[in-house]
Amino acid sequence: MKVHANDFELPTVMLPLHVGIALLTLLVLPASLLARLMEGATYEEMYDKADLVVIAKPLSSKDTHEHTMLPGLESIHVVGINTDFESHLVLKGDKAVKRFVLHHYKLNKRLEPLPIINGPTFISFDPEDHHAYLLFLIKEPNGKYAPGSGQVDPAAFSVIKLSSVTE
């Protein structure tokens, strides 16, 4: 009796479709669990909430002596920054405001040396870029301004870099 390779059938393991989908979900799910909810707002909502809506250009930025935890994400160490701005056009608020200080934060690199997955979207300014920004701001009790969307994600919502360069 001759035996051919075609005469043997190897057993195949077939998973039911629902088991395959469940396994695929378990592989993909951990990545989505890292997501962080971000509270956004429409331009109209930000405008209504803001004390000052302005198109302005940064003049200078300097770190403050403020070393704290980020308001809203208290597990993140930050350093305060004051950025001086020159107003180009006040859309809402005191039209006499020609200069103002924006109080914001950056990561404290000494205490947060590694990148933070799904971390906050901070803002930084290079006055040498000559870019203007649309800012939706809230006035703080000390007279400085803060991002209208809060300190956690200002670059995502209330501080918008304009694409044209101003002189």
C-alpha atoms as a PDB file:
ATOM      1  CA  MET A   1       0.000   0.000   0.000  1.00  0.00           C
ATOM      2  CA  LYS A   2       1.368   3.342  -1.038  1.00  0.00           C
ATOM      3  CA  VAL A   3       0.826   6.393   1.158  1.00  0.00           C
ATOM      4  CA  HIS A   4       0.837   9.832  -0.386  1.00  0.00           C
ATOM      5  CA  ALA A   5       1.312  13.137   1.374  1.00  0.00           C
ATOM      6  CA  ASN A   6      -2.112  14.191   0.118  1.00  0.00           C
ATOM      7  CA  ASP A   7      -3.706  11.352   2.056  1.00  0.00           C
ATOM      8  CA  PHE A   8      -2.911  12.973   5.407  1.00  0.00           C
ATOM      9  CA  GLU A   9      -4.905  15.843   6.698  1.00  0.00           C
ATOM     10  CA  LEU A  10      -3.324  17.980   9.363  1.00  0.00           C
ATOM     11  CA  PRO A  11      -5.687  19.027  12.121  1.00  0.00           C
ATOM     12  CA  THR A  12      -6.585  22.696  11.938  1.00  0.00           C
ATOM     13  CA  VAL A  13      -7.564  24.775  14.873  1.00  0.00           C
ATOM     14  CA  MET A  14     -10.441  27.049  14.068  1.00  0.00           C
ATOM     15  CA  LEU A  15     -11.518  29.573  16.630  1.00  0.00           C
ATOM     16  CA  PRO A  16     -15.099  30.656  16.614  1.00  0.00           C
ATOM     17  CA  LEU A  17     -15.467  34.186  15.258  1.00  0.00           C
ATOM     18  CA  HIS A  18     -16.547  35.643  18.600  1.00  0.00           C
ATOM     19  CA  VAL A  19     -13.409  34.262  20.298  1.00  0.00           C
ATOM     20  CA  GLY A  20     -11.204  35.825  17.606  1.00  0.00           C
ATOM     21  CA  ILE A  21     -12.887  39.188  18.017  1.00  0.00           C
ATOM     22  CA  ALA A  22     -12.509  38.977  21.804  1.00  0.00           C
ATOM     23  CA  LEU A  23      -8.774  38.244  21.480  1.00  0.00           C
ATOM     24  CA  LEU A  24      -8.297  41.118  19.049  1.00  0.00           C
ATOM     25  CA  THR A  25     -10.156  43.446  21.410  1.00  0.00           C
ATOM     26  CA  LEU A  26      -7.896  42.439  24.293  1.00  0.00           C
ATOM     27  CA  LEU A  27      -4.842  43.280  22.198  1.00  0.00           C
ATOM     28  CA  VAL A  28      -6.142  46.710  21.155  1.00  0.00           C
ATOM     29  CA  LEU A  29      -7.902  47.716  24.378  1.00  0.00           C
ATOM     30  CA  PRO A  30      -4.831  48.472  26.539  1.00  0.00           C
ATOM     31  CA  ALA A  31      -3.682  51.214  24.126  1.00  0.00           C
ATOM     32  CA  SER A  32      -7.065  52.920  24.292  1.00  0.00           C
ATOM     33  CA  LEU A  33      -7.084  52.757  28.095  1.00  0.00           C
ATOM     34  CA  LEU A  34      -4.155  55.185  28.085  1.00  0.00           C
ATOM     35  CA  ALA A  35      -6.343  57.889  26.584  1.00  0.00           C
ATOM     36  CA  ARG A  36      -7.086  60.993  28.621  1.00  0.00           C
ATOM     37  CA  LEU A  37     -10.331  62.891  28.334  1.00  0.00           C
ATOM     38  CA  MET A  38      -9.831  66.496  27.289  1.00  0.00           C
ATOM     39  CA  GLU A  39     -12.472  69.083  28.046  1.00  0.00           C
ATOM     40  CA  GLY A  40     -12.933  71.160  24.941  1.00  0.00           C
ATOM     41  CA  ALA A  41     -15.181  74.051  24.101  1.00  0.00           C
ATOM     42  CA  THR A  42     -16.434  75.809  21.015  1.00  0.00           C
ATOM     43  CA  TYR A  43     -14.993  79.200  20.085  1.00  0.00           C
ATOM     44  CA  GLU A  44     -18.271  80.766  21.154  1.00  0.00           C
ATOM     45  CA  GLU A  45     -18.104  79.105  24.589  1.00  0.00           C
ATOM     46  CA  MET A  46     -14.469  80.171  25.044  1.00  0.00           C
ATOM     47  CA  TYR A  47     -15.333  83.725  23.944  1.00  0.00           C
ATOM     48  CA  ASP A  48     -18.235  83.926  26.403  1.00  0.00           C
ATOM     49  CA  LYS A  49     -16.100  82.612  29.285  1.00  0.00           C
ATOM     50  CA  ALA A  50     -13.045  84.781  28.560  1.00  0.00           C
ATOM     51  CA  ASP A  51     -12.244  88.119  30.190  1.00  0.00           C
ATOM     52  CA  LEU A  52      -9.864  88.998  27.354  1.00  0.00           C
ATOM     53  CA  VAL A  53      -9.885  87.752  23.763  1.00  0.00           C
ATOM     54  CA  VAL A  54      -6.944  89.200  21.922  1.00  0.00           C
ATOM     55  CA  ILE A  55      -4.592  88.805  18.998  1.00  0.00           C
ATOM     56  CA  ALA A  56      -1.150  89.421  20.447  1.00  0.00           C
ATOM     57  CA  LYS A  57       2.538  88.798  19.960  1.00  0.00           C
ATOM     58  CA  PRO A  58       4.870  87.429  22.660  1.00  0.00           C
ATOM     59  CA  LEU A  59       7.696  89.739  23.716  1.00  0.00           C
ATOM     60  CA  SER A  60       9.515  87.625  26.308  1.00  0.00           C
ATOM     61  CA  SER A  61       9.092  84.583  28.553  1.00  0.00           C
ATOM     62  CA  LYS A  62      10.706  83.835  31.879  1.00  0.00           C
ATOM     63  CA  ASP A  63      10.376  81.121  34.479  1.00  0.00           C
ATOM     64  CA  THR A  64       8.924  82.093  37.832  1.00  0.00           C
ATOM     65  CA  HIS A  65       9.936  80.713  41.221  1.00  0.00           C
ATOM     66  CA  GLU A  66       6.684  78.750  41.216  1.00  0.00           C
ATOM     67  CA  HIS A  67       7.275  74.977  41.388  1.00  0.00           C
ATOM     68  CA  THR A  68       4.000  73.167  41.898  1.00  0.00           C
ATOM     69  CA  MET A  69       1.690  70.409  40.750  1.00  0.00           C
ATOM     70  CA  LEU A  70      -0.346  71.076  37.613  1.00  0.00           C
ATOM     71  CA  PRO A  71      -3.864  72.245  38.531  1.00  0.00           C
ATOM     72  CA  GLY A  72      -6.204  69.618  37.116  1.00  0.00           C
ATOM     73  CA  LEU A  73      -3.516  66.893  36.839  1.00  0.00           C
ATOM     74  CA  GLU A  74      -1.989  66.969  40.300  1.00  0.00           C
ATOM     75  CA  SER A  75       0.430  64.123  39.545  1.00  0.00           C
ATOM     76  CA  ILE A  76       2.502  66.277  37.171  1.00  0.00           C
ATOM     77  CA  HIS A  77       5.272  68.583  38.418  1.00  0.00           C
ATOM     78  CA  VAL A  78       5.430  71.963  36.666  1.00  0.00           C
ATOM     79  CA  VAL A  79       7.259  75.279  36.694  1.00  0.00           C
ATOM     80  CA  GLY A  80       5.412  78.570  36.270  1.00  0.00           C
ATOM     81  CA  ILE A  81       6.176  80.860  33.336  1.00  0.00           C
ATOM     82  CA  ASN A  82       5.244  84.491  32.750  1.00  0.00           C
ATOM     83  CA  THR A  83       5.102  85.559  29.112  1.00  0.00           C
ATOM     84  CA  ASP A  84       4.791  89.253  28.270  1.00  0.00           C
ATOM     85  CA  PHE A  85       2.564  90.010  25.277  1.00  0.00           C
ATOM     86  CA  GLU A  86       1.874  93.055  23.144  1.00  0.00           C
ATOM     87  CA  SER A  87      -1.751  93.402  22.013  1.00  0.00           C
ATOM     88  CA  HIS A  88      -2.436  93.848  18.310  1.00  0.00           C
ATOM     89  CA  LEU A  89      -6.231  93.632  18.431  1.00  0.00           C
ATOM     90  CA  VAL A  90      -8.528  93.292  21.459  1.00  0.00           C
ATOM     91  CA  LEU A  91     -11.676  91.422  20.433  1.00  0.00           C
ATOM     92  CA  LYS A  92     -13.209  91.280  23.915  1.00  0.00           C
ATOM     93  CA  GLY A  93     -12.248  92.999  27.140  1.00  0.00           C
ATOM     94  CA  ASP A  94     -10.479  96.234  27.999  1.00  0.00           C
ATOM     95  CA  LYS A  95      -9.510  97.869  24.676  1.00  0.00           C
ATOM     96  CA  ALA A  96      -6.843  99.884  26.515  1.00  0.00           C
ATOM     97  CA  VAL A  97      -4.787  96.727  27.208  1.00  0.00           C
ATOM     98  CA  LYS A  98      -1.611  97.202  25.173  1.00  0.00           C
ATOM     99  CA  ARG A  99       0.578  94.783  27.140  1.00  0.00           C
ATOM    100  CA  PHE A 100      -0.277  91.932  29.464  1.00  0.00           C
ATOM    101  CA  VAL A 101       1.288  88.915  31.171  1.00  0.00           C
ATOM    102  CA  LEU A 102       0.168  85.367  30.470  1.00  0.00           C
ATOM    103  CA  HIS A 103       0.779  82.974  33.365  1.00  0.00           C
ATOM    104  CA  HIS A 104       1.224  79.369  32.214  1.00  0.00           C
ATOM    105  CA  TYR A 105       3.270  76.245  32.941  1.00  0.00           C
ATOM    106  CA  LYS A 106       5.852  73.861  31.549  1.00  0.00           C
ATOM    107  CA  LEU A 107       7.049  70.468  32.762  1.00  0.00           C
ATOM    108  CA  ASN A 108       9.582  70.487  35.558  1.00  0.00           C
ATOM    109  CA  LYS A 109      12.248  68.510  33.655  1.00  0.00           C
ATOM    110  CA  ARG A 110      14.141  67.781  36.878  1.00  0.00           C
ATOM    111  CA  LEU A 111      11.154  65.945  38.369  1.00  0.00           C
ATOM    112  CA  GLU A 112       9.547  64.787  35.076  1.00  0.00           C
ATOM    113  CA  PRO A 113      12.565  63.681  32.984  1.00  0.00           C
ATOM    114  CA  LEU A 114      10.614  61.351  30.686  1.00  0.00           C
ATOM    115  CA  PRO A 115       7.875  62.245  28.198  1.00  0.00           C
ATOM    116  CA  ILE A 116       4.348  61.794  29.534  1.00  0.00           C
ATOM    117  CA  ILE A 117       2.048  59.659  27.392  1.00  0.00           C
ATOM    118  CA  ASN A 118      -1.216  61.527  26.806  1.00  0.00           C
ATOM    119  CA  GLY A 119       0.209  64.361  28.859  1.00  0.00           C
ATOM    120  CA  PRO A 120      -0.873  67.974  28.844  1.00  0.00           C
ATOM    121  CA  THR A 121      -0.425  70.175  25.776  1.00  0.00           C
ATOM    122  CA  PHE A 122       1.598  73.060  27.154  1.00  0.00           C
ATOM    123  CA  ILE A 123       2.432  76.224  25.265  1.00  0.00           C
ATOM    124  CA  SER A 124       5.780  77.804  24.659  1.00  0.00           C
ATOM    125  CA  PHE A 125       6.662  80.983  22.830  1.00  0.00           C
ATOM    126  CA  ASP A 126       9.656  82.134  20.823  1.00  0.00           C
ATOM    127  CA  PRO A 127       9.456  85.928  20.457  1.00  0.00           C
ATOM    128  CA  GLU A 128      11.977  85.702  17.613  1.00  0.00           C
ATOM    129  CA  ASP A 129       9.382  83.814  15.500  1.00  0.00           C
ATOM    130  CA  HIS A 130       7.291  86.994  15.115  1.00  0.00           C
ATOM    131  CA  HIS A 131       4.046  84.965  15.153  1.00  0.00           C
ATOM    132  CA  ALA A 132       0.842  86.323  16.578  1.00  0.00           C
ATOM    133  CA  TYR A 133      -1.591  84.288  18.658  1.00  0.00           C
ATOM    134  CA  LEU A 134      -5.316  84.313  19.224  1.00  0.00           C
ATOM    135  CA  LEU A 135      -5.766  84.038  22.986  1.00  0.00           C
ATOM    136  CA  PHE A 136      -8.880  83.361  25.057  1.00  0.00           C
ATOM    137  CA  LEU A 137      -7.863  84.434  28.565  1.00  0.00           C
ATOM    138  CA  ILE A 138      -9.198  84.613  32.111  1.00  0.00           C
ATOM    139  CA  LYS A 139      -7.966  87.362  34.446  1.00  0.00           C
ATOM    140  CA  GLU A 140      -6.350  86.096  37.638  1.00  0.00           C
ATOM    141  CA  PRO A 141      -6.721  87.977  40.959  1.00  0.00           C
ATOM    142  CA  ASN A 142      -3.106  89.245  40.686  1.00  0.00           C
ATOM    143  CA  GLY A 143      -3.833  90.979  37.348  1.00  0.00           C
ATOM    144  CA  LYS A 144      -2.087  88.408  35.160  1.00  0.00           C
ATOM    145  CA  TYR A 145      -4.000  86.297  32.667  1.00  0.00           C
ATOM    146  CA  ALA A 146      -4.337  82.528  32.373  1.00  0.00           C
ATOM    147  CA  PRO A 147      -5.491  80.343  29.467  1.00  0.00           C
ATOM    148  CA  GLY A 148      -9.288  80.313  29.305  1.00  0.00           C
ATOM    149  CA  SER A 149      -9.404  76.542  28.835  1.00  0.00           C
ATOM    150  CA  GLY A 150      -7.294  75.994  31.951  1.00  0.00           C
ATOM    151  CA  GLN A 151      -3.637  75.168  32.470  1.00  0.00           C
ATOM    152  CA  VAL A 152      -3.784  71.503  31.400  1.00  0.00           C
ATOM    153  CA  ASP A 153      -4.286  71.840  27.621  1.00  0.00           C
ATOM    154  CA  PRO A 154      -3.942  75.505  26.658  1.00  0.00           C
ATOM    155  CA  ALA A 155      -2.243  74.743  23.319  1.00  0.00           C
ATOM    156  CA  ALA A 156      -5.181  72.581  22.295  1.00  0.00           C
ATOM    157  CA  PHE A 157      -7.914  75.131  22.928  1.00  0.00           C
ATOM    158  CA  SER A 158      -7.320  78.675  24.156  1.00  0.00           C
ATOM    159  CA  VAL A 159      -3.916  79.668  22.732  1.00  0.00           C
ATOM    160  CA  ILE A 160      -3.936  79.435  18.952  1.00  0.00           C
ATOM    161  CA  LYS A 161      -0.876  80.232  16.848  1.00  0.00           C
ATOM    162  CA  LEU A 162      -1.858  82.203  13.784  1.00  0.00           C
ATOM    163  CA  SER A 163      -0.300  81.088  10.515  1.00  0.00           C
ATOM    164  CA  SER A 164       0.627  84.525   9.217  1.00  0.00           C
ATOM    165  CA  VAL A 165       3.757  86.280  10.413  1.00  0.00           C
ATOM    166  CA  THR A 166       3.394  89.787  11.831  1.00  0.00           C
ATOM    167  CA  GLU A 167       6.019  92.478  12.136  1.00  0.00           C
END
